[in-house]
Amino acid sequence: MDGASGCDGSVLLNNTATIESEQDALPNNNSIRGLDVVNNIKTEVENCCPGTVSCADILAIAAEVASVIGGGPSWSVLLGRRDSLTANQTLANLNLPAPFFTLDELKASFEVQGLNTTDLVTLSGAHTFGRAHCSTFIDRLYNFSNTGNPDPTLNTNYLEILREICPQNATENNLTNLDLTTPDQFDNNYYSNIQDNNGLLQSDQELFSTTGADTIDLVNSFSSDQTVFFDNFVVSMIKMGNIGVLEGDEGEIRLQCNFVNVDSSPLAAVPSKDPKDKLVAQSK
């Protein structure tokens, strides 16, 4: 999913007089980067194939390319999405999982999108990449659940490292890697990290440290066999890429990814009922 409603490019839209950007939703705030890269890609694509390739499809392809560049799996990206004519910040706040979610809250958030527990654990593995601001996990370091103490599931050595990066009452919102061990490589070390209580976000560690959780066996499986993780990741990414797709006369093909076209009508932005039946596979 790239936006609150699904894979429709809505997250790319900037604030305007009529659009409240999803980029400012709490789960997205200060976490979305590289939007200029998407616009640069769009410009080059428009020069070659005007009005043909949507920003939603560009994001879907970019996700697959990023995986491959980092040493992760490849898959055939389904194409044919169209771009939304609006954004929904309120829905983004409701639908996107927060870094402090419990396991039950994570499951509920994924279930709303038609994603199951295996999808949850699998797609969480995308945190093999990326960075997080101190504000997303600082409560775990000093005042977890208003106890005045750190999160007891956090490895004490890792705790000290994180406290160096994020001092208590600091005014700077520093960044650190989501993956402690191989932050720029797409691999299964994310799962090994949370087995060692080295998950950065509460939502990461919940997958392994929740007593009796059905996610624990999945974490163990993905940690012990990277191929199993990769195979499941491909399935879940394709599944997620089919959520809330616009097709046919729905939405538009944006000329610029961060703004809707001038002559667009918001009445056309209705998701397909069954987008997976219409999308076509990208030739590899």
Protein backbone atom coordinates (compact mmCIF):
# COMPACT_ATOMS: atom_id res chain seq x y z
CA MET A 1 0.00 0.00 0.00
CA ASP A 2 1.31 3.48 -0.84
CA GLY A 3 -1.60 5.47 0.58
CA ALA A 4 -4.47 5.41 3.06
CA SER A 5 -6.86 3.86 0.55
CA GLY A 6 -4.42 1.50 -1.11
CA CYS A 7 -2.00 1.57 -4.03
CA ASP A 8 -3.29 4.71 -5.67
CA GLY A 9 -0.42 7.19 -5.28
CA SER A 10 -2.38 9.30 -2.79
CA VAL A 11 0.56 9.52 -0.38
CA LEU A 12 2.52 11.48 -3.00
CA LEU A 13 0.06 14.39 -3.06
CA ASN A 14 1.18 17.63 -1.42
CA ASN A 15 -0.99 19.94 0.67
CA THR A 16 -3.16 22.28 -1.39
CA ALA A 17 -6.27 24.36 -0.75
CA THR A 18 -8.39 21.24 -1.27
CA ILE A 19 -6.03 18.40 -0.30
CA GLU A 20 -4.76 17.55 3.18
CA SER A 21 -1.64 15.51 2.50
CA GLU A 22 -1.24 12.00 3.88
CA GLN A 23 2.44 12.79 4.28
CA ASP A 24 1.50 14.68 7.45
CA ALA A 25 -0.46 11.80 8.97
CA LEU A 26 1.06 10.66 12.26
CA PRO A 27 2.45 7.32 10.97
CA ASN A 28 3.98 9.09 7.94
CA ASN A 29 5.17 12.33 9.51
CA ASN A 30 8.94 12.81 9.05
CA SER A 31 9.22 9.26 7.72
CA ILE A 32 8.63 9.54 3.97
CA ARG A 33 11.73 10.36 1.95
CA GLY A 34 12.78 10.46 -1.68
CA LEU A 35 9.61 11.93 -3.13
CA ASP A 36 11.78 14.11 -5.38
CA VAL A 37 13.22 10.91 -6.84
CA VAL A 38 9.72 9.71 -7.72
CA ASN A 39 8.98 13.02 -9.43
CA ASN A 40 12.25 12.81 -11.38
CA ILE A 41 11.35 9.31 -12.55
CA LYS A 42 7.90 10.53 -13.54
CA THR A 43 9.40 13.36 -15.60
CA GLU A 44 11.59 10.94 -17.53
CA VAL A 45 8.70 8.54 -18.08
CA GLU A 46 6.45 11.35 -19.32
CA ASN A 47 9.14 12.38 -21.80
CA CYS A 48 9.07 8.87 -23.26
CA CYS A 49 5.43 7.83 -22.80
CA PRO A 50 3.17 10.82 -22.09
CA GLY A 51 0.07 10.12 -20.00
CA THR A 52 0.67 6.37 -19.87
CA VAL A 53 2.37 5.29 -16.63
CA SER A 54 0.79 6.23 -13.31
CA CYS A 55 2.63 7.40 -10.22
CA ALA A 56 1.04 4.47 -8.37
CA ASP A 57 2.70 2.03 -10.79
CA ILE A 58 6.02 3.87 -10.48
CA LEU A 59 5.92 3.39 -6.70
CA ALA A 60 5.09 -0.29 -7.08
CA ILE A 61 7.99 -0.81 -9.49
CA ALA A 62 10.33 1.24 -7.28
CA ALA A 63 9.59 -1.03 -4.31
CA GLU A 64 10.60 -4.10 -6.31
CA VAL A 65 13.73 -2.43 -7.68
CA ALA A 66 14.77 -1.31 -4.18
CA SER A 67 14.43 -4.87 -2.95
CA VAL A 68 16.59 -6.22 -5.76
CA ILE A 69 19.27 -3.53 -5.39
CA GLY A 70 19.53 -4.37 -1.70
CA GLY A 71 19.98 -8.07 -2.39
CA GLY A 72 16.36 -9.06 -1.82
CA PRO A 73 13.82 -10.91 -3.96
CA SER A 74 12.45 -9.94 -7.35
CA TRP A 75 8.87 -10.33 -8.56
CA SER A 76 6.69 -9.46 -11.54
CA VAL A 77 5.00 -6.18 -10.67
CA LEU A 78 1.36 -6.00 -11.71
CA LEU A 79 0.69 -2.82 -13.70
CA GLY A 80 -2.35 -0.82 -14.76
CA ARG A 81 -3.04 1.24 -11.63
CA ARG A 82 -4.31 4.79 -11.94
CA ASP A 83 -3.72 7.70 -9.60
CA SER A 84 -6.13 9.03 -7.01
CA LEU A 85 -7.62 12.50 -7.29
CA THR A 86 -7.41 13.22 -3.60
CA ALA A 87 -5.75 12.19 -0.34
CA ASN A 88 -7.23 11.21 3.00
CA GLN A 89 -5.11 12.14 6.00
CA THR A 90 -7.82 11.07 8.45
CA LEU A 91 -7.96 7.61 6.89
CA ALA A 92 -4.16 7.40 6.92
CA ASN A 93 -4.18 8.03 10.66
CA LEU A 94 -6.76 5.28 11.10
CA ASN A 95 -5.39 2.66 8.69
CA LEU A 96 -1.61 2.88 8.94
CA PRO A 97 -0.03 1.02 11.89
CA ALA A 98 1.81 3.12 14.44
CA PRO A 99 5.27 2.25 15.84
CA PHE A 100 3.86 1.83 19.35
CA PHE A 101 1.09 -0.63 18.41
CA THR A 102 0.62 -3.84 20.35
CA LEU A 103 0.39 -7.12 18.47
CA ASP A 104 -3.41 -7.12 18.68
CA GLU A 105 -3.52 -3.60 17.26
CA LEU A 106 -1.14 -4.56 14.47
CA LYS A 107 -3.25 -7.57 13.54
CA ALA A 108 -6.42 -5.48 13.52
CA SER A 109 -4.77 -2.84 11.33
CA PHE A 110 -3.65 -5.43 8.79
CA GLU A 111 -6.96 -7.31 8.88
CA VAL A 112 -8.82 -4.17 7.80
CA GLN A 113 -6.77 -4.28 4.59
CA GLY A 114 -7.40 -7.98 4.01
CA LEU A 115 -3.93 -8.95 5.21
CA ASN A 116 -3.37 -11.83 7.63
CA THR A 117 -0.84 -12.62 10.35
CA THR A 118 1.65 -14.11 7.90
CA ASP A 119 1.46 -10.90 5.85
CA LEU A 120 2.04 -8.88 9.02
CA VAL A 121 5.21 -10.72 10.00
CA THR A 122 6.44 -10.90 6.41
CA LEU A 123 5.91 -7.25 5.51
CA SER A 124 7.41 -6.14 8.83
CA GLY A 125 10.62 -7.61 7.44
CA ALA A 126 10.81 -4.59 5.14
CA HIS A 127 12.32 -2.90 8.20
CA THR A 128 15.55 -4.51 7.05
CA PHE A 129 15.81 -1.07 5.37
CA GLY A 130 15.14 2.41 6.64
CA ARG A 131 15.62 4.73 9.56
CA ALA A 132 13.45 5.91 12.44
CA HIS A 133 13.36 9.11 14.45
CA CYS A 134 13.89 9.03 18.21
CA SER A 135 10.31 10.20 18.70
CA THR A 136 9.02 6.84 17.41
CA PHE A 137 10.71 4.78 20.12
CA ILE A 138 12.01 7.09 22.87
CA ASP A 139 9.27 6.00 25.30
CA ARG A 140 10.82 2.52 25.21
CA LEU A 141 14.09 3.97 26.47
CA TYR A 142 12.89 5.94 29.48
CA ASN A 143 9.17 5.70 30.21
CA PHE A 144 7.58 2.65 28.64
CA SER A 145 3.81 2.61 29.17
CA ASN A 146 4.23 5.44 31.70
CA THR A 147 6.16 3.20 34.10
CA GLY A 148 9.18 5.48 34.39
CA ASN A 149 11.31 2.54 33.26
CA PRO A 150 12.56 1.24 29.90
CA ASP A 151 10.75 -1.45 27.95
CA PRO A 152 11.70 -4.74 29.67
CA THR A 153 11.78 -6.51 26.29
CA LEU A 154 14.58 -4.24 25.04
CA ASN A 155 18.09 -5.74 25.11
CA THR A 156 20.04 -3.80 27.76
CA ASN A 157 23.11 -3.36 25.56
CA TYR A 158 20.96 -2.04 22.75
CA LEU A 159 19.19 0.20 25.25
CA GLU A 160 22.46 1.93 26.10
CA ILE A 161 23.30 2.40 22.42
CA LEU A 162 19.91 3.97 21.77
CA ARG A 163 20.15 6.23 24.81
CA GLU A 164 23.38 7.65 23.37
CA ILE A 165 21.55 8.45 20.15
CA CYS A 166 18.39 9.69 21.87
CA PRO A 167 19.17 11.38 25.20
CA GLN A 168 16.25 12.00 27.53
CA ASN A 169 14.61 15.41 27.00
CA ALA A 170 16.76 16.03 23.91
CA THR A 171 15.55 18.74 21.55
CA GLU A 172 16.90 17.02 18.43
CA ASN A 173 14.90 14.24 16.80
CA ASN A 174 17.83 12.07 15.69
CA LEU A 175 17.68 9.12 13.30
CA THR A 176 18.92 5.57 13.69
CA ASN A 177 18.73 2.39 11.62
CA LEU A 178 15.72 0.10 11.87
CA ASP A 179 18.07 -2.86 11.36
CA LEU A 180 20.92 -2.85 13.87
CA THR A 181 23.16 -5.27 11.98
CA THR A 182 22.80 -4.87 8.19
CA PRO A 183 20.85 -1.63 7.67
CA ASP A 184 21.53 -1.26 3.94
CA GLN A 185 21.03 -4.87 2.90
CA PHE A 186 17.76 -6.67 2.23
CA ASP A 187 18.07 -9.85 4.28
CA ASN A 188 16.48 -11.75 7.16
CA ASN A 189 18.56 -10.21 9.95
CA TYR A 190 15.54 -8.17 11.03
CA TYR A 191 14.12 -11.38 12.48
CA SER A 192 17.38 -12.36 14.16
CA ASN A 193 17.46 -8.92 15.73
CA ILE A 194 14.04 -9.23 17.33
CA GLN A 195 14.93 -12.74 18.53
CA ASP A 196 17.77 -11.02 20.44
CA ASN A 197 15.40 -8.31 21.73
CA ASN A 198 17.05 -5.82 19.40
CA GLY A 199 13.89 -4.64 17.67
CA LEU A 200 13.92 -0.86 17.40
CA LEU A 201 10.20 -0.15 17.43
CA GLN A 202 7.70 -1.61 19.86
CA SER A 203 5.73 -2.84 16.84
CA ASP A 204 8.81 -4.80 15.74
CA GLN A 205 9.51 -6.46 19.08
CA GLU A 206 5.83 -7.31 19.66
CA LEU A 207 6.11 -9.96 16.94
CA PHE A 208 8.48 -12.04 19.06
CA SER A 209 8.06 -10.90 22.67
CA THR A 210 4.29 -11.23 23.00
CA THR A 211 3.77 -14.31 25.17
CA GLY A 212 2.22 -17.23 23.31
CA ALA A 213 1.83 -15.27 20.07
CA ASP A 214 1.33 -17.14 16.80
CA THR A 215 3.83 -14.75 15.22
CA ILE A 216 6.78 -16.27 17.11
CA ASP A 217 6.99 -19.39 14.94
CA LEU A 218 6.96 -17.22 11.82
CA VAL A 219 9.79 -15.06 13.16
CA ASN A 220 11.80 -18.19 13.95
CA SER A 221 11.12 -19.62 10.49
CA PHE A 222 12.16 -16.46 8.65
CA SER A 223 15.23 -16.04 10.83
CA SER A 224 16.45 -19.56 10.13
CA ASP A 225 15.70 -19.63 6.39
CA GLN A 226 16.07 -16.48 4.29
CA THR A 227 14.58 -18.19 1.23
CA VAL A 228 11.35 -18.84 3.12
CA PHE A 229 11.21 -15.16 4.08
CA PHE A 230 11.89 -14.01 0.52
CA ASP A 231 9.23 -16.32 -0.93
CA ASN A 232 6.63 -15.07 1.53
CA PHE A 233 7.68 -11.46 0.99
CA VAL A 234 6.97 -11.72 -2.74
CA VAL A 235 3.50 -13.13 -2.09
CA SER A 236 2.64 -10.46 0.49
CA MET A 237 3.97 -7.58 -1.62
CA ILE A 238 1.88 -8.62 -4.60
CA LYS A 239 -1.13 -9.03 -2.31
CA MET A 240 -0.61 -5.59 -0.78
CA GLY A 241 -0.11 -4.08 -4.23
CA ASN A 242 -3.65 -5.11 -5.17
CA ILE A 243 -5.31 -3.14 -2.36
CA GLY A 244 -7.55 -0.22 -3.34
CA VAL A 245 -6.45 -0.06 -6.97
CA LEU A 246 -8.01 2.44 -9.38
CA GLU A 247 -8.43 1.31 -13.00
CA GLY A 248 -10.19 2.07 -16.27
CA ASP A 249 -11.83 5.50 -16.05
CA GLU A 250 -11.23 5.77 -12.30
CA GLY A 251 -8.80 8.42 -11.10
CA GLU A 252 -6.26 9.68 -13.62
CA ILE A 253 -2.70 9.38 -14.87
CA ARG A 254 -1.03 12.29 -13.11
CA LEU A 255 1.39 14.44 -15.07
CA GLN A 256 3.20 15.34 -11.85
CA CYS A 257 3.11 12.95 -8.92
CA ASN A 258 2.66 15.47 -6.12
CA PHE A 259 -0.31 17.29 -7.67
CA VAL A 260 -3.50 16.20 -9.40
CA ASN A 261 -4.05 17.30 -12.98
CA VAL A 262 -5.84 20.63 -13.33
CA ASP A 263 -8.87 19.26 -15.17
CA SER A 264 -9.44 16.27 -12.87
CA SER A 265 -12.76 15.44 -11.25
CA PRO A 266 -12.68 13.98 -7.70
CA LEU A 267 -15.92 12.12 -8.44
CA ALA A 268 -13.99 9.60 -10.54
CA ALA A 269 -11.81 8.36 -7.68
CA VAL A 270 -13.62 5.12 -6.84
CA PRO A 271 -11.57 1.94 -6.21
CA SER A 272 -12.12 -1.11 -8.38
CA LYS A 273 -14.13 -3.83 -6.67
CA ASP A 274 -11.73 -6.57 -7.71
CA PRO A 275 -8.48 -4.98 -8.98
CA LYS A 276 -6.46 -8.18 -8.93
CA ASP A 277 -8.45 -9.52 -11.88
CA LYS A 278 -7.49 -6.61 -14.13
CA LEU A 279 -3.89 -5.77 -13.35
CA VAL A 280 -1.32 -7.05 -15.81
CA ALA A 281 2.14 -8.36 -15.03
CA GLN A 282 5.19 -6.28 -15.78
CA SER A 283 7.43 -7.99 -18.29
CA LYS A 284 10.77 -8.91 -16.75
